[in-house]
Amino acid sequence: MREAINRLASEGLVEYVRGSGAFVKRPDPEDIREIYDLREALEPFAAAQAARCITPPELEQMTSVCDDWLAIVRAMRVEEGEPAPVLSEEQLQRWVDDEERFHGLVIQAARNRWLAKIAHEMRFLLVSFQFRRAASESITFSAAAHSWREHLVLVRLLTRGDSLAAKTWMAEHIRRSRENMMRYLARA
């Protein structure tokens, strides 16, 4: 148990409070900014490589994730047809799991073992999306619908093998995600 807590502390997910114990670390805006900076450096490269190397089964998995996002967007509509203001807790968990899976598939499809090793060891996707799990109000109906459509664009770019467009798309996507998260943190 102590070893696990020490590892979480070394990864910045837990902090020790002298005399009190270990606690889950609250996201610090600078930590989040740095994680998004790392993602912006690595994931566009991964998207460009994935456009060259992705397999049909990986494209099917990414499409399946997009289908699940669409189901969540549709479920956000209440009986009168008006969208719910934000994702429910269960929808949020599904959404973030799908985000982590989608971006993990991009890294996997890049076929670069060093990139995969860095992503795994740094756990930058996991850490990035853990912050998102705490931010249920950050995903509104319109943001969810936009994100679903946006990810479909990447699937199409990867299907066409358009490396440059996939790289550009990913860099812009990470920047927008960072800006949205930073705005949310400023309000929270």
C-alpha atoms as a PDB file:
ATOM      1  CA  MET A   1       0.000   0.000   0.000  1.00  0.00           C
ATOM      2  CA  ARG A   2       2.802   2.374   0.935  1.00  0.00           C
ATOM      3  CA  GLU A   3       4.588   1.652  -2.361  1.00  0.00           C
ATOM      4  CA  ALA A   4       1.417   2.405  -4.346  1.00  0.00           C
ATOM      5  CA  ILE A   5       0.904   5.683  -2.493  1.00  0.00           C
ATOM      6  CA  ASN A   6       4.549   6.637  -3.053  1.00  0.00           C
ATOM      7  CA  ARG A   7       4.165   5.950  -6.771  1.00  0.00           C
ATOM      8  CA  LEU A   8       1.002   8.050  -6.948  1.00  0.00           C
ATOM      9  CA  ALA A   9       2.836  10.832  -5.113  1.00  0.00           C
ATOM     10  CA  SER A  10       5.767  10.625  -7.553  1.00  0.00           C
ATOM     11  CA  GLU A  11       3.279  10.951 -10.425  1.00  0.00           C
ATOM     12  CA  GLY A  12       1.774  14.040  -8.837  1.00  0.00           C
ATOM     13  CA  LEU A  13      -1.632  12.469  -8.162  1.00  0.00           C
ATOM     14  CA  VAL A  14      -1.307  12.309  -4.386  1.00  0.00           C
ATOM     15  CA  GLU A  15       0.307  14.699  -1.957  1.00  0.00           C
ATOM     16  CA  TYR A  16       1.518  14.081   1.572  1.00  0.00           C
ATOM     17  CA  VAL A  17       0.348  16.333   4.363  1.00  0.00           C
ATOM     18  CA  ARG A  18       2.721  16.016   7.296  1.00  0.00           C
ATOM     19  CA  GLY A  19       0.969  14.464  10.255  1.00  0.00           C
ATOM     20  CA  SER A  20      -2.248  13.812   8.333  1.00  0.00           C
ATOM     21  CA  GLY A  21      -1.472  11.332   5.561  1.00  0.00           C
ATOM     22  CA  ALA A  22      -1.780  11.178   1.795  1.00  0.00           C
ATOM     23  CA  PHE A  23      -4.575  12.907  -0.105  1.00  0.00           C
ATOM     24  CA  VAL A  24      -5.643  13.060  -3.722  1.00  0.00           C
ATOM     25  CA  LYS A  25      -4.048  16.164  -5.169  1.00  0.00           C
ATOM     26  CA  ARG A  26      -6.393  18.884  -6.342  1.00  0.00           C
ATOM     27  CA  PRO A  27      -5.630  19.937  -9.873  1.00  0.00           C
ATOM     28  CA  ASP A  28      -3.423  22.984  -9.990  1.00  0.00           C
ATOM     29  CA  PRO A  29      -3.912  25.155 -13.093  1.00  0.00           C
ATOM     30  CA  GLU A  30      -0.174  25.137 -13.782  1.00  0.00           C
ATOM     31  CA  ASP A  31      -0.061  21.318 -13.592  1.00  0.00           C
ATOM     32  CA  ILE A  32      -2.917  21.114 -16.065  1.00  0.00           C
ATOM     33  CA  ARG A  33      -1.307  23.633 -18.396  1.00  0.00           C
ATOM     34  CA  GLU A  34       1.956  21.639 -18.363  1.00  0.00           C
ATOM     35  CA  ILE A  35       0.161  18.360 -19.091  1.00  0.00           C
ATOM     36  CA  TYR A  36      -1.648  19.924 -22.025  1.00  0.00           C
ATOM     37  CA  ASP A  37       1.675  21.363 -23.251  1.00  0.00           C
ATOM     38  CA  LEU A  38       3.116  17.841 -23.205  1.00  0.00           C
ATOM     39  CA  ARG A  39       0.073  16.499 -25.029  1.00  0.00           C
ATOM     40  CA  GLU A  40       0.384  19.238 -27.640  1.00  0.00           C
ATOM     41  CA  ALA A  41       4.002  18.255 -28.226  1.00  0.00           C
ATOM     42  CA  LEU A  42       3.373  14.507 -28.547  1.00  0.00           C
ATOM     43  CA  GLU A  43      -0.159  13.842 -29.797  1.00  0.00           C
ATOM     44  CA  PRO A  44       0.047  15.751 -33.117  1.00  0.00           C
ATOM     45  CA  PHE A  45       3.103  13.652 -33.966  1.00  0.00           C
ATOM     46  CA  ALA A  46       1.132  10.548 -32.988  1.00  0.00           C
ATOM     47  CA  ALA A  47      -1.806  11.592 -35.194  1.00  0.00           C
ATOM     48  CA  ALA A  48       0.488  12.156 -38.190  1.00  0.00           C
ATOM     49  CA  GLN A  49       2.089   8.751 -37.705  1.00  0.00           C
ATOM     50  CA  ALA A  50      -1.282   7.096 -37.135  1.00  0.00           C
ATOM     51  CA  ALA A  51      -2.511   8.429 -40.483  1.00  0.00           C
ATOM     52  CA  ARG A  52       0.261   6.375 -42.090  1.00  0.00           C
ATOM     53  CA  CYS A  53      -0.034   3.233 -39.971  1.00  0.00           C
ATOM     54  CA  ILE A  54      -3.585   2.829 -38.638  1.00  0.00           C
ATOM     55  CA  THR A  55      -5.332  -0.476 -39.284  1.00  0.00           C
ATOM     56  CA  PRO A  56      -8.986  -1.072 -40.192  1.00  0.00           C
ATOM     57  CA  PRO A  57      -9.694  -2.648 -36.759  1.00  0.00           C
ATOM     58  CA  GLU A  58      -8.275   0.444 -35.024  1.00  0.00           C
ATOM     59  CA  LEU A  59     -10.422   2.690 -37.217  1.00  0.00           C
ATOM     60  CA  GLU A  60     -13.433   0.539 -36.280  1.00  0.00           C
ATOM     61  CA  GLN A  61     -12.612   0.966 -32.584  1.00  0.00           C
ATOM     62  CA  MET A  62     -12.323   4.745 -32.999  1.00  0.00           C
ATOM     63  CA  THR A  63     -15.636   4.800 -34.867  1.00  0.00           C
ATOM     64  CA  SER A  64     -17.187   2.770 -32.054  1.00  0.00           C
ATOM     65  CA  VAL A  65     -16.006   5.380 -29.537  1.00  0.00           C
ATOM     66  CA  CYS A  66     -17.564   8.110 -31.695  1.00  0.00           C
ATOM     67  CA  ASP A  67     -20.804   6.100 -31.814  1.00  0.00           C
ATOM     68  CA  ASP A  68     -20.832   5.936 -28.016  1.00  0.00           C
ATOM     69  CA  TRP A  69     -20.301   9.702 -27.826  1.00  0.00           C
ATOM     70  CA  LEU A  70     -23.237  10.198 -30.183  1.00  0.00           C
ATOM     71  CA  ALA A  71     -25.391   7.976 -27.932  1.00  0.00           C
ATOM     72  CA  ILE A  72     -24.425  10.128 -24.937  1.00  0.00           C
ATOM     73  CA  VAL A  73     -25.235  13.341 -26.824  1.00  0.00           C
ATOM     74  CA  ARG A  74     -28.623  11.941 -27.807  1.00  0.00           C
ATOM     75  CA  ALA A  75     -29.294  10.801 -24.227  1.00  0.00           C
ATOM     76  CA  MET A  76     -28.673  14.339 -22.957  1.00  0.00           C
ATOM     77  CA  ARG A  77     -31.978  15.410 -24.481  1.00  0.00           C
ATOM     78  CA  VAL A  78     -34.778  15.378 -21.917  1.00  0.00           C
ATOM     79  CA  GLU A  79     -38.340  14.383 -22.771  1.00  0.00           C
ATOM     80  CA  GLU A  80     -39.390  17.832 -24.039  1.00  0.00           C
ATOM     81  CA  GLY A  81     -36.491  17.760 -26.483  1.00  0.00           C
ATOM     82  CA  GLU A  82     -34.438  20.343 -24.609  1.00  0.00           C
ATOM     83  CA  PRO A  83     -30.869  19.306 -23.872  1.00  0.00           C
ATOM     84  CA  ALA A  84     -29.738  18.727 -20.307  1.00  0.00           C
ATOM     85  CA  PRO A  85     -27.379  21.513 -19.222  1.00  0.00           C
ATOM     86  CA  VAL A  86     -24.446  19.162 -18.526  1.00  0.00           C
ATOM     87  CA  LEU A  87     -23.555  15.498 -18.584  1.00  0.00           C
ATOM     88  CA  SER A  88     -24.818  13.347 -15.725  1.00  0.00           C
ATOM     89  CA  GLU A  89     -22.163  11.785 -13.517  1.00  0.00           C
ATOM     90  CA  GLU A  90     -22.523   8.419 -15.310  1.00  0.00           C
ATOM     91  CA  GLN A  91     -22.402  10.084 -18.737  1.00  0.00           C
ATOM     92  CA  LEU A  92     -19.325  12.048 -17.735  1.00  0.00           C
ATOM     93  CA  GLN A  93     -17.485   8.903 -16.648  1.00  0.00           C
ATOM     94  CA  ARG A  94     -18.370   7.192 -19.941  1.00  0.00           C
ATOM     95  CA  TRP A  95     -17.382  10.268 -21.914  1.00  0.00           C
ATOM     96  CA  VAL A  96     -13.980  10.575 -20.258  1.00  0.00           C
ATOM     97  CA  ASP A  97     -13.331   6.824 -20.568  1.00  0.00           C
ATOM     98  CA  ASP A  98     -14.083   7.168 -24.285  1.00  0.00           C
ATOM     99  CA  GLU A  99     -11.757  10.175 -24.587  1.00  0.00           C
ATOM    100  CA  GLU A 100      -8.952   8.274 -22.939  1.00  0.00           C
ATOM    101  CA  ARG A 101      -9.586   5.254 -25.182  1.00  0.00           C
ATOM    102  CA  PHE A 102      -9.774   7.359 -28.367  1.00  0.00           C
ATOM    103  CA  HIS A 103      -6.527   9.224 -27.709  1.00  0.00           C
ATOM    104  CA  GLY A 104      -4.864   5.994 -26.580  1.00  0.00           C
ATOM    105  CA  LEU A 105      -5.827   4.435 -29.922  1.00  0.00           C
ATOM    106  CA  VAL A 106      -4.174   7.326 -31.759  1.00  0.00           C
ATOM    107  CA  ILE A 107      -0.951   6.715 -29.833  1.00  0.00           C
ATOM    108  CA  GLN A 108      -1.199   2.962 -30.415  1.00  0.00           C
ATOM    109  CA  ALA A 109      -1.810   3.466 -34.148  1.00  0.00           C
ATOM    110  CA  ALA A 110       1.323   5.624 -34.423  1.00  0.00           C
ATOM    111  CA  ARG A 111       3.381   2.424 -34.169  1.00  0.00           C
ATOM    112  CA  ASN A 112       6.146   4.195 -32.279  1.00  0.00           C
ATOM    113  CA  ARG A 113       7.244   2.154 -29.291  1.00  0.00           C
ATOM    114  CA  TRP A 114       9.112   5.101 -27.732  1.00  0.00           C
ATOM    115  CA  LEU A 115       6.075   7.335 -27.926  1.00  0.00           C
ATOM    116  CA  ALA A 116       3.942   4.564 -26.436  1.00  0.00           C
ATOM    117  CA  LYS A 117       6.519   4.036 -23.670  1.00  0.00           C
ATOM    118  CA  ILE A 118       6.620   7.753 -22.827  1.00  0.00           C
ATOM    119  CA  ALA A 119       2.820   7.980 -22.867  1.00  0.00           C
ATOM    120  CA  HIS A 120       2.556   4.918 -20.634  1.00  0.00           C
ATOM    121  CA  GLU A 121       5.264   5.933 -18.176  1.00  0.00           C
ATOM    122  CA  MET A 122       4.230   9.554 -17.975  1.00  0.00           C
ATOM    123  CA  ARG A 123       0.577   8.551 -17.879  1.00  0.00           C
ATOM    124  CA  PHE A 124      -0.119  11.973 -19.341  1.00  0.00           C
ATOM    125  CA  LEU A 125      -3.406  10.871 -20.880  1.00  0.00           C
ATOM    126  CA  LEU A 126      -4.608   9.318 -17.644  1.00  0.00           C
ATOM    127  CA  VAL A 127      -3.603  12.341 -15.594  1.00  0.00           C
ATOM    128  CA  SER A 128      -5.100  14.737 -18.128  1.00  0.00           C
ATOM    129  CA  PHE A 129      -8.437  12.952 -18.205  1.00  0.00           C
ATOM    130  CA  GLN A 130      -8.538  12.511 -14.417  1.00  0.00           C
ATOM    131  CA  PHE A 131      -8.762  16.293 -14.155  1.00  0.00           C
ATOM    132  CA  ARG A 132     -11.653  16.148 -16.601  1.00  0.00           C
ATOM    133  CA  ARG A 133     -13.524  13.621 -14.430  1.00  0.00           C
ATOM    134  CA  ALA A 134     -13.756  16.219 -11.682  1.00  0.00           C
ATOM    135  CA  ALA A 135     -15.155  18.821 -14.057  1.00  0.00           C
ATOM    136  CA  SER A 136     -18.668  17.615 -14.885  1.00  0.00           C
ATOM    137  CA  GLU A 137     -19.898  21.155 -15.541  1.00  0.00           C
ATOM    138  CA  SER A 138     -17.228  21.594 -18.211  1.00  0.00           C
ATOM    139  CA  ILE A 139     -19.078  19.422 -20.761  1.00  0.00           C
ATOM    140  CA  THR A 140     -22.335  21.020 -21.830  1.00  0.00           C
ATOM    141  CA  PHE A 141     -24.671  19.621 -24.476  1.00  0.00           C
ATOM    142  CA  SER A 142     -23.252  21.903 -27.165  1.00  0.00           C
ATOM    143  CA  ALA A 143     -19.657  21.115 -26.130  1.00  0.00           C
ATOM    144  CA  ALA A 144     -20.413  17.382 -26.229  1.00  0.00           C
ATOM    145  CA  ALA A 145     -22.038  17.597 -29.661  1.00  0.00           C
ATOM    146  CA  HIS A 146     -19.141  19.684 -30.985  1.00  0.00           C
ATOM    147  CA  SER A 147     -16.557  17.280 -29.555  1.00  0.00           C
ATOM    148  CA  TRP A 148     -18.317  14.266 -31.107  1.00  0.00           C
ATOM    149  CA  ARG A 149     -18.336  15.918 -34.547  1.00  0.00           C
ATOM    150  CA  GLU A 150     -14.741  17.046 -34.113  1.00  0.00           C
ATOM    151  CA  HIS A 151     -13.497  13.527 -33.352  1.00  0.00           C
ATOM    152  CA  LEU A 152     -15.341  12.171 -36.394  1.00  0.00           C
ATOM    153  CA  VAL A 153     -13.253  14.540 -38.510  1.00  0.00           C
ATOM    154  CA  LEU A 154     -10.059  12.959 -37.188  1.00  0.00           C
ATOM    155  CA  VAL A 155     -11.363   9.466 -37.951  1.00  0.00           C
ATOM    156  CA  ARG A 156     -12.008  10.610 -41.544  1.00  0.00           C
ATOM    157  CA  LEU A 157      -8.529  12.143 -41.813  1.00  0.00           C
ATOM    158  CA  LEU A 158      -6.939   8.943 -40.521  1.00  0.00           C
ATOM    159  CA  THR A 159      -9.054   6.863 -42.908  1.00  0.00           C
ATOM    160  CA  ARG A 160      -7.773   8.973 -45.824  1.00  0.00           C
ATOM    161  CA  GLY A 161      -4.193   8.727 -44.539  1.00  0.00           C
ATOM    162  CA  ASP A 162      -3.886  12.531 -44.432  1.00  0.00           C
ATOM    163  CA  SER A 163      -0.894  12.913 -42.135  1.00  0.00           C
ATOM    164  CA  LEU A 164      -0.521  16.687 -42.263  1.00  0.00           C
ATOM    165  CA  ALA A 165      -4.220  17.367 -41.689  1.00  0.00           C
ATOM    166  CA  ALA A 166      -4.336  14.832 -38.816  1.00  0.00           C
ATOM    167  CA  LYS A 167      -1.324  16.498 -37.179  1.00  0.00           C
ATOM    168  CA  THR A 168      -2.877  19.960 -37.562  1.00  0.00           C
ATOM    169  CA  TRP A 169      -6.258  18.735 -36.303  1.00  0.00           C
ATOM    170  CA  MET A 170      -4.715  17.201 -33.194  1.00  0.00           C
ATOM    171  CA  ALA A 171      -2.662  20.297 -32.329  1.00  0.00           C
ATOM    172  CA  GLU A 172      -5.753  22.498 -32.614  1.00  0.00           C
ATOM    173  CA  HIS A 173      -7.857  20.002 -30.662  1.00  0.00           C
ATOM    174  CA  ILE A 174      -5.376  19.907 -27.772  1.00  0.00           C
ATOM    175  CA  ARG A 175      -5.159  23.724 -27.741  1.00  0.00           C
ATOM    176  CA  ARG A 176      -8.962  24.076 -27.631  1.00  0.00           C
ATOM    177  CA  SER A 177      -9.180  21.444 -24.881  1.00  0.00           C
ATOM    178  CA  ARG A 178      -6.556  23.278 -22.837  1.00  0.00           C
ATOM    179  CA  GLU A 179      -8.344  26.616 -23.295  1.00  0.00           C
ATOM    180  CA  ASN A 180     -11.697  25.086 -22.282  1.00  0.00           C
ATOM    181  CA  MET A 181     -10.176  23.468 -19.203  1.00  0.00           C
ATOM    182  CA  MET A 182      -8.376  26.660 -18.180  1.00  0.00           C
ATOM    183  CA  ARG A 183     -11.616  28.688 -18.575  1.00  0.00           C
ATOM    184  CA  TYR A 184     -13.451  26.101 -16.482  1.00  0.00           C
ATOM    185  CA  LEU A 185     -10.790  26.259 -13.743  1.00  0.00           C
ATOM    186  CA  ALA A 186     -10.906  30.053 -13.730  1.00  0.00           C
ATOM    187  CA  ARG A 187     -14.672  29.895 -13.106  1.00  0.00           C
ATOM    188  CA  ALA A 188     -14.543  27.053 -10.560  1.00  0.00           C
END
